[in-house]
Amino acid sequence: MGVDKDHCHFLIQAIPTLSPSKIAQIVKSITAREIFKRVPEVKKKLWGGEFWTEGYFIGAVSKHGNEETIQNYVKNQGRDKEYQKIYSQQIMMF
């Protein structure tokens, strides 16, 4: 998991029995429930009591992709210099 100013990224490995949208739904549900349980005052401060927005983005990495590059990108969220380095590596993949 990597976090930035207004979003976070997860790198999740899964077998193809669940759709990516179902995985996103499960992750959002479990994380919100745990945060509200561990830090109840968070829910009071949120507009409408919702932890996550409705949207999400899903990208896939195949066995032929560069998983290490994606792992570094996720891990280094919020670190501008690292982002530029990783972004350059991603561009070179194309």
PDB file of N, CA and C in Angstrom:
ATOM      1  N   MET A   1       0.853  -1.178   0.000  1.00  0.00           N
ATOM      2  CA  MET A   1       0.000   0.000   0.000  1.00  0.00           C
ATOM      3  C   MET A   1       0.889   1.228   0.000  1.00  0.00           C
ATOM      4  N   GLY A   2       0.513   2.218  -0.770  1.00  0.00           N
ATOM      5  CA  GLY A   2       1.198   3.502  -0.790  1.00  0.00           C
ATOM      6  C   GLY A   2       0.168   4.604  -0.713  1.00  0.00           C
ATOM      7  N   VAL A   3       0.487   5.682  -0.002  1.00  0.00           N
ATOM      8  CA  VAL A   3      -0.466   6.779   0.139  1.00  0.00           C
ATOM      9  C   VAL A   3       0.133   8.080  -0.375  1.00  0.00           C
ATOM     10  N   ASP A   4      -0.720   8.914  -0.914  1.00  0.00           N
ATOM     11  CA  ASP A   4      -0.343  10.235  -1.376  1.00  0.00           C
ATOM     12  C   ASP A   4      -1.272  11.233  -0.703  1.00  0.00           C
ATOM     13  N   LYS A   5      -1.272  12.464  -1.159  1.00  0.00           N
ATOM     14  CA  LYS A   5      -2.058  13.517  -0.500  1.00  0.00           C
ATOM     15  C   LYS A   5      -3.555  13.216  -0.454  1.00  0.00           C
ATOM     16  N   ASP A   6      -4.107  12.718  -1.548  1.00  0.00           N
ATOM     17  CA  ASP A   6      -5.559  12.545  -1.605  1.00  0.00           C
ATOM     18  C   ASP A   6      -5.996  11.176  -2.120  1.00  0.00           C
ATOM     19  N   HIS A   7      -5.091  10.226  -2.158  1.00  0.00           N
ATOM     20  CA  HIS A   7      -5.458   8.892  -2.615  1.00  0.00           C
ATOM     21  C   HIS A   7      -4.430   7.872  -2.143  1.00  0.00           C
ATOM     22  N   CYS A   8      -4.739   6.619  -2.324  1.00  0.00           N
ATOM     23  CA  CYS A   8      -3.783   5.561  -1.996  1.00  0.00           C
ATOM     24  C   CYS A   8      -3.796   4.508  -3.093  1.00  0.00           C
ATOM     25  N   HIS A   9      -2.728   3.747  -3.138  1.00  0.00           N
ATOM     26  CA  HIS A   9      -2.592   2.678  -4.111  1.00  0.00           C
ATOM     27  C   HIS A   9      -2.373   1.369  -3.370  1.00  0.00           C
ATOM     28  N   PHE A  10      -2.946   0.309  -3.894  1.00  0.00           N
ATOM     29  CA  PHE A  10      -2.745  -1.036  -3.365  1.00  0.00           C
ATOM     30  C   PHE A  10      -2.193  -1.888  -4.498  1.00  0.00           C
ATOM     31  N   LEU A  11      -1.234  -2.727  -4.184  1.00  0.00           N
ATOM     32  CA  LEU A  11      -0.786  -3.738  -5.125  1.00  0.00           C
ATOM     33  C   LEU A  11      -1.270  -5.061  -4.564  1.00  0.00           C
ATOM     34  N   ILE A  12      -2.200  -5.673  -5.260  1.00  0.00           N
ATOM     35  CA  ILE A  12      -2.852  -6.885  -4.763  1.00  0.00           C
ATOM     36  C   ILE A  12      -2.680  -7.998  -5.781  1.00  0.00           C
ATOM     37  N   GLN A  13      -2.211  -9.124  -5.314  1.00  0.00           N
ATOM     38  CA  GLN A  13      -2.118 -10.297  -6.171  1.00  0.00           C
ATOM     39  C   GLN A  13      -3.327 -11.170  -5.886  1.00  0.00           C
ATOM     40  N   ALA A  14      -4.007 -11.589  -6.937  1.00  0.00           N
ATOM     41  CA  ALA A  14      -5.223 -12.379  -6.748  1.00  0.00           C
ATOM     42  C   ALA A  14      -5.360 -13.412  -7.858  1.00  0.00           C
ATOM     43  N   ILE A  15      -6.024 -14.499  -7.523  1.00  0.00           N
ATOM     44  CA  ILE A  15      -6.362 -15.480  -8.544  1.00  0.00           C
ATOM     45  C   ILE A  15      -7.640 -15.009  -9.239  1.00  0.00           C
ATOM     46  N   PRO A  16      -7.859 -15.418 -10.452  1.00  0.00           N
ATOM     47  CA  PRO A  16      -8.970 -14.853 -11.226  1.00  0.00           C
ATOM     48  C   PRO A  16     -10.360 -15.386 -10.879  1.00  0.00           C
ATOM     49  N   THR A  17     -10.612 -15.706  -9.623  1.00  0.00           N
ATOM     50  CA  THR A  17     -11.958 -16.130  -9.249  1.00  0.00           C
ATOM     51  C   THR A  17     -12.817 -14.951  -8.823  1.00  0.00           C
ATOM     52  N   LEU A  18     -12.176 -13.824  -8.488  1.00  0.00           N
ATOM     53  CA  LEU A  18     -12.905 -12.598  -8.147  1.00  0.00           C
ATOM     54  C   LEU A  18     -12.587 -11.532  -9.184  1.00  0.00           C
ATOM     55  N   SER A  19     -13.580 -10.752  -9.533  1.00  0.00           N
ATOM     56  CA  SER A  19     -13.340  -9.662 -10.472  1.00  0.00           C
ATOM     57  C   SER A  19     -12.565  -8.555  -9.762  1.00  0.00           C
ATOM     58  N   PRO A  20     -11.799  -7.764 -10.505  1.00  0.00           N
ATOM     59  CA  PRO A  20     -11.084  -6.652  -9.888  1.00  0.00           C
ATOM     60  C   PRO A  20     -12.024  -5.690  -9.146  1.00  0.00           C
ATOM     61  N   SER A  21     -13.229  -5.460  -9.674  1.00  0.00           N
ATOM     62  CA  SER A  21     -14.164  -4.558  -8.991  1.00  0.00           C
ATOM     63  C   SER A  21     -14.635  -5.152  -7.660  1.00  0.00           C
ATOM     64  N   LYS A  22     -14.808  -6.461  -7.597  1.00  0.00           N
ATOM     65  CA  LYS A  22     -15.194  -7.113  -6.345  1.00  0.00           C
ATOM     66  C   LYS A  22     -14.060  -6.995  -5.322  1.00  0.00           C
ATOM     67  N   ILE A  23     -12.829  -7.161  -5.769  1.00  0.00           N
ATOM     68  CA  ILE A  23     -11.677  -7.007  -4.870  1.00  0.00           C
ATOM     69  C   ILE A  23     -11.624  -5.589  -4.327  1.00  0.00           C
ATOM     70  N   ALA A  24     -11.838  -4.586  -5.185  1.00  0.00           N
ATOM     71  CA  ALA A  24     -11.845  -3.193  -4.724  1.00  0.00           C
ATOM     72  C   ALA A  24     -12.941  -2.979  -3.690  1.00  0.00           C
ATOM     73  N   GLN A  25     -14.113  -3.521  -3.927  1.00  0.00           N
ATOM     74  CA  GLN A  25     -15.230  -3.405  -2.984  1.00  0.00           C
ATOM     75  C   GLN A  25     -14.871  -4.033  -1.637  1.00  0.00           C
ATOM     76  N   ILE A  26     -14.262  -5.191  -1.652  1.00  0.00           N
ATOM     77  CA  ILE A  26     -13.881  -5.882  -0.416  1.00  0.00           C
ATOM     78  C   ILE A  26     -12.825  -5.078   0.347  1.00  0.00           C
ATOM     79  N   VAL A  27     -11.806  -4.601  -0.359  1.00  0.00           N
ATOM     80  CA  VAL A  27     -10.738  -3.829   0.291  1.00  0.00           C
ATOM     81  C   VAL A  27     -11.301  -2.560   0.923  1.00  0.00           C
ATOM     82  N   LYS A  28     -12.144  -1.857   0.186  1.00  0.00           N
ATOM     83  CA  LYS A  28     -12.719  -0.620   0.718  1.00  0.00           C
ATOM     84  C   LYS A  28     -13.614  -0.896   1.921  1.00  0.00           C
ATOM     85  N   SER A  29     -14.390  -1.951   1.863  1.00  0.00           N
ATOM     86  CA  SER A  29     -15.286  -2.295   2.963  1.00  0.00           C
ATOM     87  C   SER A  29     -14.519  -2.667   4.224  1.00  0.00           C
ATOM     88  N   ILE A  30     -13.550  -3.549   4.086  1.00  0.00           N
ATOM     89  CA  ILE A  30     -12.786  -4.013   5.252  1.00  0.00           C
ATOM     90  C   ILE A  30     -11.967  -2.880   5.867  1.00  0.00           C
ATOM     91  N   THR A  31     -11.299  -2.094   5.035  1.00  0.00           N
ATOM     92  CA  THR A  31     -10.463  -1.022   5.590  1.00  0.00           C
ATOM     93  C   THR A  31     -11.309   0.038   6.288  1.00  0.00           C
ATOM     94  N   ALA A  32     -12.435   0.422   5.707  1.00  0.00           N
ATOM     95  CA  ALA A  32     -13.305   1.417   6.350  1.00  0.00           C
ATOM     96  C   ALA A  32     -13.828   0.891   7.683  1.00  0.00           C
ATOM     97  N   ARG A  33     -14.293  -0.339   7.688  1.00  0.00           N
ATOM     98  CA  ARG A  33     -14.819  -0.934   8.919  1.00  0.00           C
ATOM     99  C   ARG A  33     -13.745  -0.971  10.016  1.00  0.00           C
ATOM    100  N   GLU A  34     -12.534  -1.351   9.666  1.00  0.00           N
ATOM    101  CA  GLU A  34     -11.450  -1.427  10.658  1.00  0.00           C
ATOM    102  C   GLU A  34     -11.049  -0.052  11.165  1.00  0.00           C
ATOM    103  N   ILE A  35     -10.976   0.921  10.278  1.00  0.00           N
ATOM    104  CA  ILE A  35     -10.620   2.281  10.714  1.00  0.00           C
ATOM    105  C   ILE A  35     -11.685   2.831  11.647  1.00  0.00           C
ATOM    106  N   PHE A  36     -12.956   2.663  11.309  1.00  0.00           N
ATOM    107  CA  PHE A  36     -14.034   3.152  12.168  1.00  0.00           C
ATOM    108  C   PHE A  36     -14.044   2.434  13.514  1.00  0.00           C
ATOM    109  N   LYS A  37     -13.691   1.157  13.508  1.00  0.00           N
ATOM    110  CA  LYS A  37     -13.658   0.392  14.754  1.00  0.00           C
ATOM    111  C   LYS A  37     -12.491   0.845  15.636  1.00  0.00           C
ATOM    112  N   ARG A  38     -11.342   1.064  15.037  1.00  0.00           N
ATOM    113  CA  ARG A  38     -10.143   1.422  15.801  1.00  0.00           C
ATOM    114  C   ARG A  38     -10.079   2.893  16.171  1.00  0.00           C
ATOM    115  N   VAL A  39     -10.639   3.753  15.318  1.00  0.00           N
ATOM    116  CA  VAL A  39     -10.607   5.197  15.555  1.00  0.00           C
ATOM    117  C   VAL A  39     -12.004   5.758  15.269  1.00  0.00           C
ATOM    118  N   PRO A  40     -12.961   5.558  16.196  1.00  0.00           N
ATOM    119  CA  PRO A  40     -14.361   5.929  15.937  1.00  0.00           C
ATOM    120  C   PRO A  40     -14.586   7.412  15.629  1.00  0.00           C
ATOM    121  N   GLU A  41     -13.729   8.276  16.157  1.00  0.00           N
ATOM    122  CA  GLU A  41     -13.933   9.713  15.907  1.00  0.00           C
ATOM    123  C   GLU A  41     -13.736  10.099  14.449  1.00  0.00           C
ATOM    124  N   VAL A  42     -13.093   9.246  13.666  1.00  0.00           N
ATOM    125  CA  VAL A  42     -12.898   9.522  12.239  1.00  0.00           C
ATOM    126  C   VAL A  42     -14.249   9.645  11.533  1.00  0.00           C
ATOM    127  N   LYS A  43     -15.165   8.757  11.825  1.00  0.00           N
ATOM    128  CA  LYS A  43     -16.466   8.758  11.151  1.00  0.00           C
ATOM    129  C   LYS A  43     -17.230  10.056  11.403  1.00  0.00           C
ATOM    130  N   LYS A  44     -17.095  10.622  12.599  1.00  0.00           N
ATOM    131  CA  LYS A  44     -17.784  11.874  12.936  1.00  0.00           C
ATOM    132  C   LYS A  44     -17.248  13.055  12.143  1.00  0.00           C
ATOM    133  N   LYS A  45     -15.978  12.987  11.749  1.00  0.00           N
ATOM    134  CA  LYS A  45     -15.348  14.102  11.042  1.00  0.00           C
ATOM    135  C   LYS A  45     -15.558  14.042   9.531  1.00  0.00           C
ATOM    136  N   LEU A  46     -16.008  12.913   9.036  1.00  0.00           N
ATOM    137  CA  LEU A  46     -16.181  12.748   7.596  1.00  0.00           C
ATOM    138  C   LEU A  46     -17.544  13.266   7.146  1.00  0.00           C
ATOM    139  N   TRP A  47     -17.554  13.912   6.011  1.00  0.00           N
ATOM    140  CA  TRP A  47     -18.795  14.414   5.444  1.00  0.00           C
ATOM    141  C   TRP A  47     -19.629  13.225   5.001  1.00  0.00           C
ATOM    142  N   GLY A  48     -20.787  13.046   5.579  1.00  0.00           N
ATOM    143  CA  GLY A  48     -21.663  11.931   5.246  1.00  0.00           C
ATOM    144  C   GLY A  48     -21.251  10.612   5.869  1.00  0.00           C
ATOM    145  N   GLY A  49     -20.192  10.603   6.662  1.00  0.00           N
ATOM    146  CA  GLY A  49     -19.750   9.386   7.322  1.00  0.00           C
ATOM    147  C   GLY A  49     -19.112   8.350   6.410  1.00  0.00           C
ATOM    148  N   GLU A  50     -18.805   8.717   5.174  1.00  0.00           N
ATOM    149  CA  GLU A  50     -18.221   7.775   4.214  1.00  0.00           C
ATOM    150  C   GLU A  50     -16.703   7.923   4.209  1.00  0.00           C
ATOM    151  N   PHE A  51     -16.000   6.809   4.356  1.00  0.00           N
ATOM    152  CA  PHE A  51     -14.537   6.858   4.349  1.00  0.00           C
ATOM    153  C   PHE A  51     -13.982   6.931   2.930  1.00  0.00           C
ATOM    154  N   TRP A  52     -14.505   6.125   2.033  1.00  0.00           N
ATOM    155  CA  TRP A  52     -14.028   6.072   0.653  1.00  0.00           C
ATOM    156  C   TRP A  52     -15.001   6.772  -0.288  1.00  0.00           C
ATOM    157  N   THR A  53     -14.470   7.311  -1.381  1.00  0.00           N
ATOM    158  CA  THR A  53     -15.333   7.813  -2.446  1.00  0.00           C
ATOM    159  C   THR A  53     -15.836   6.611  -3.236  1.00  0.00           C
ATOM    160  N   GLU A  54     -16.802   6.847  -4.109  1.00  0.00           N
ATOM    161  CA  GLU A  54     -17.360   5.743  -4.897  1.00  0.00           C
ATOM    162  C   GLU A  54     -16.399   5.233  -5.964  1.00  0.00           C
ATOM    163  N   GLY A  55     -15.524   6.086  -6.459  1.00  0.00           N
ATOM    164  CA  GLY A  55     -14.679   5.703  -7.576  1.00  0.00           C
ATOM    165  C   GLY A  55     -13.422   4.965  -7.189  1.00  0.00           C
ATOM    166  N   TYR A  56     -12.817   4.362  -8.205  1.00  0.00           N
ATOM    167  CA  TYR A  56     -11.524   3.709  -8.051  1.00  0.00           C
ATOM    168  C   TYR A  56     -10.961   3.460  -9.443  1.00  0.00           C
ATOM    169  N   PHE A  57      -9.691   3.187  -9.500  1.00  0.00           N
ATOM    170  CA  PHE A  57      -9.033   2.832 -10.761  1.00  0.00           C
ATOM    171  C   PHE A  57      -8.345   1.497 -10.551  1.00  0.00           C
ATOM    172  N   ILE A  58      -8.428   0.625 -11.523  1.00  0.00           N
ATOM    173  CA  ILE A  58      -7.764  -0.670 -11.449  1.00  0.00           C
ATOM    174  C   ILE A  58      -6.914  -0.845 -12.695  1.00  0.00           C
ATOM    175  N   GLY A  59      -5.674  -1.212 -12.470  1.00  0.00           N
ATOM    176  CA  GLY A  59      -4.768  -1.560 -13.565  1.00  0.00           C
ATOM    177  C   GLY A  59      -4.245  -2.956 -13.305  1.00  0.00           C
ATOM    178  N   ALA A  60      -3.891  -3.658 -14.351  1.00  0.00           N
ATOM    179  CA  ALA A  60      -3.416  -5.034 -14.195  1.00  0.00           C
ATOM    180  C   ALA A  60      -1.956  -5.136 -14.607  1.00  0.00           C
ATOM    181  N   VAL A  61      -1.248  -6.010 -13.923  1.00  0.00           N
ATOM    182  CA  VAL A  61       0.134  -6.326 -14.263  1.00  0.00           C
ATOM    183  C   VAL A  61       0.161  -7.809 -14.607  1.00  0.00           C
ATOM    184  N   SER A  62       0.553  -8.121 -15.825  1.00  0.00           N
ATOM    185  CA  SER A  62       0.590  -9.532 -16.226  1.00  0.00           C
ATOM    186  C   SER A  62       1.903 -10.165 -15.797  1.00  0.00           C
ATOM    187  N   LYS A  63       2.019 -11.451 -16.017  1.00  0.00           N
ATOM    188  CA  LYS A  63       3.261 -12.144 -15.681  1.00  0.00           C
ATOM    189  C   LYS A  63       4.424 -11.637 -16.531  1.00  0.00           C
ATOM    190  N   HIS A  64       4.111 -10.924 -17.613  1.00  0.00           N
ATOM    191  CA  HIS A  64       5.150 -10.370 -18.469  1.00  0.00           C
ATOM    192  C   HIS A  64       5.464  -8.919 -18.123  1.00  0.00           C
ATOM    193  N   GLY A  65       4.713  -8.329 -17.202  1.00  0.00           N
ATOM    194  CA  GLY A  65       4.934  -6.955 -16.786  1.00  0.00           C
ATOM    195  C   GLY A  65       6.066  -6.854 -15.786  1.00  0.00           C
ATOM    196  N   ASN A  66       6.414  -5.636 -15.419  1.00  0.00           N
ATOM    197  CA  ASN A  66       7.488  -5.414 -14.465  1.00  0.00           C
ATOM    198  C   ASN A  66       6.884  -5.156 -13.094  1.00  0.00           C
ATOM    199  N   GLU A  67       6.644  -6.224 -12.336  1.00  0.00           N
ATOM    200  CA  GLU A  67       6.000  -6.114 -11.028  1.00  0.00           C
ATOM    201  C   GLU A  67       6.825  -5.276 -10.056  1.00  0.00           C
ATOM    202  N   GLU A  68       8.152  -5.371 -10.143  1.00  0.00           N
ATOM    203  CA  GLU A  68       9.017  -4.608  -9.229  1.00  0.00           C
ATOM    204  C   GLU A  68       8.834  -3.105  -9.430  1.00  0.00           C
ATOM    205  N   THR A  69       8.702  -2.663 -10.671  1.00  0.00           N
ATOM    206  CA  THR A  69       8.477  -1.244 -10.951  1.00  0.00           C
ATOM    207  C   THR A  69       7.162  -0.778 -10.338  1.00  0.00           C
ATOM    208  N   ILE A  70       6.118  -1.587 -10.459  1.00  0.00           N
ATOM    209  CA  ILE A  70       4.818  -1.235  -9.887  1.00  0.00           C
ATOM    210  C   ILE A  70       4.901  -1.226  -8.362  1.00  0.00           C
ATOM    211  N   GLN A  71       5.577  -2.204  -7.771  1.00  0.00           N
ATOM    212  CA  GLN A  71       5.745  -2.235  -6.311  1.00  0.00           C
ATOM    213  C   GLN A  71       6.435  -0.971  -5.822  1.00  0.00           C
ATOM    214  N   ASN A  72       7.482  -0.545  -6.508  1.00  0.00           N
ATOM    215  CA  ASN A  72       8.199   0.674  -6.108  1.00  0.00           C
ATOM    216  C   ASN A  72       7.315   1.904  -6.246  1.00  0.00           C
ATOM    217  N   TYR A  73       6.524   1.958  -7.289  1.00  0.00           N
ATOM    218  CA  TYR A  73       5.608   3.082  -7.482  1.00  0.00           C
ATOM    219  C   TYR A  73       4.629   3.180  -6.316  1.00  0.00           C
ATOM    220  N   VAL A  74       4.031   2.060  -5.950  1.00  0.00           N
ATOM    221  CA  VAL A  74       3.057   2.042  -4.854  1.00  0.00           C
ATOM    222  C   VAL A  74       3.734   2.403  -3.539  1.00  0.00           C
ATOM    223  N   LYS A  75       4.877   1.823  -3.273  1.00  0.00           N
ATOM    224  CA  LYS A  75       5.589   2.045  -2.017  1.00  0.00           C
ATOM    225  C   LYS A  75       6.028   3.496  -1.853  1.00  0.00           C
ATOM    226  N   ASN A  76       6.350   4.162  -2.949  1.00  0.00           N
ATOM    227  CA  ASN A  76       6.915   5.501  -2.876  1.00  0.00           C
ATOM    228  C   ASN A  76       5.918   6.614  -3.148  1.00  0.00           C
ATOM    229  N   GLN A  77       4.644   6.350  -2.958  1.00  0.00           N
ATOM    230  CA  GLN A  77       3.636   7.400  -3.117  1.00  0.00           C
ATOM    231  C   GLN A  77       3.961   8.567  -2.196  1.00  0.00           C
ATOM    232  N   GLY A  78       3.800   9.775  -2.712  1.00  0.00           N
ATOM    233  CA  GLY A  78       4.035  10.965  -1.912  1.00  0.00           C
ATOM    234  C   GLY A  78       5.483  11.416  -1.873  1.00  0.00           C
ATOM    235  N   ARG A  79       6.354  10.695  -2.508  1.00  0.00           N
ATOM    236  CA  ARG A  79       7.774  11.057  -2.561  1.00  0.00           C
ATOM    237  C   ARG A  79       8.086  11.495  -3.983  1.00  0.00           C
ATOM    238  N   ASP A  80       8.094  12.798  -4.217  1.00  0.00           N
ATOM    239  CA  ASP A  80       8.190  13.328  -5.577  1.00  0.00           C
ATOM    240  C   ASP A  80       9.423  12.855  -6.343  1.00  0.00           C
ATOM    241  N   LYS A  81      10.613  12.851  -5.713  1.00  0.00           N
ATOM    242  CA  LYS A  81      11.820  12.418  -6.431  1.00  0.00           C
ATOM    243  C   LYS A  81      11.722  10.948  -6.828  1.00  0.00           C
ATOM    244  N   GLU A  82      11.248  10.120  -5.912  1.00  0.00           N
ATOM    245  CA  GLU A  82      11.093   8.699  -6.227  1.00  0.00           C
ATOM    246  C   GLU A  82      10.049   8.510  -7.323  1.00  0.00           C
ATOM    247  N   TYR A  83       8.967   9.306  -7.268  1.00  0.00           N
ATOM    248  CA  TYR A  83       7.924   9.207  -8.286  1.00  0.00           C
ATOM    249  C   TYR A  83       8.506   9.490  -9.662  1.00  0.00           C
ATOM    250  N   GLN A  84       9.308  10.542  -9.776  1.00  0.00           N
ATOM    251  CA  GLN A  84       9.887  10.889 -11.073  1.00  0.00           C
ATOM    252  C   GLN A  84      10.767   9.759 -11.599  1.00  0.00           C
ATOM    253  N   LYS A  85      11.552   9.135 -10.727  1.00  0.00           N
ATOM    254  CA  LYS A  85      12.419   8.032 -11.126  1.00  0.00           C
ATOM    255  C   LYS A  85      11.580   6.843 -11.613  1.00  0.00           C
ATOM    256  N   ILE A  86      10.568   6.487 -10.855  1.00  0.00           N
ATOM    257  CA  ILE A  86       9.728   5.342 -11.197  1.00  0.00           C
ATOM    258  C   ILE A  86       8.917   5.637 -12.455  1.00  0.00           C
ATOM    259  N   TYR A  87       8.397   6.870 -12.567  1.00  0.00           N
ATOM    260  CA  TYR A  87       7.633   7.264 -13.744  1.00  0.00           C
ATOM    261  C   TYR A  87       8.485   7.116 -15.002  1.00  0.00           C
ATOM    262  N   SER A  88       9.749   7.524 -14.911  1.00  0.00           N
ATOM    263  CA  SER A  88      10.646   7.395 -16.057  1.00  0.00           C
ATOM    264  C   SER A  88      10.835   5.931 -16.438  1.00  0.00           C
ATOM    265  N   GLN A  89      10.944   5.057 -15.431  1.00  0.00           N
ATOM    266  CA  GLN A  89      11.085   3.634 -15.700  1.00  0.00           C
ATOM    267  C   GLN A  89       9.825   3.071 -16.357  1.00  0.00           C
ATOM    268  N   GLN A  90       8.668   3.545 -15.926  1.00  0.00           N
ATOM    269  CA  GLN A  90       7.407   3.070 -16.498  1.00  0.00           C
ATOM    270  C   GLN A  90       7.303   3.481 -17.965  1.00  0.00           C
ATOM    271  N   ILE A  91       7.672   4.712 -18.269  1.00  0.00           N
ATOM    272  CA  ILE A  91       7.607   5.213 -19.640  1.00  0.00           C
ATOM    273  C   ILE A  91       8.507   4.373 -20.548  1.00  0.00           C
ATOM    274  N   MET A  92       9.663   3.962 -20.029  1.00  0.00           N
ATOM    275  CA  MET A  92      10.584   3.161 -20.838  1.00  0.00           C
ATOM    276  C   MET A  92      10.005   1.797 -21.175  1.00  0.00           C
ATOM    277  N   MET A  93       9.018   1.330 -20.402  1.00  0.00           N
ATOM    278  CA  MET A  93       8.390   0.034 -20.693  1.00  0.00           C
ATOM    279  C   MET A  93       7.635   0.083 -22.013  1.00  0.00           C
ATOM    280  N   PHE A  94       7.223   1.270 -22.440  1.00  0.00           N
ATOM    281  CA  PHE A  94       6.467   1.415 -23.682  1.00  0.00           C
ATOM    282  C   PHE A  94       7.401   1.846 -24.752  1.00  0.00           C
TER     283      PHE A  94
END
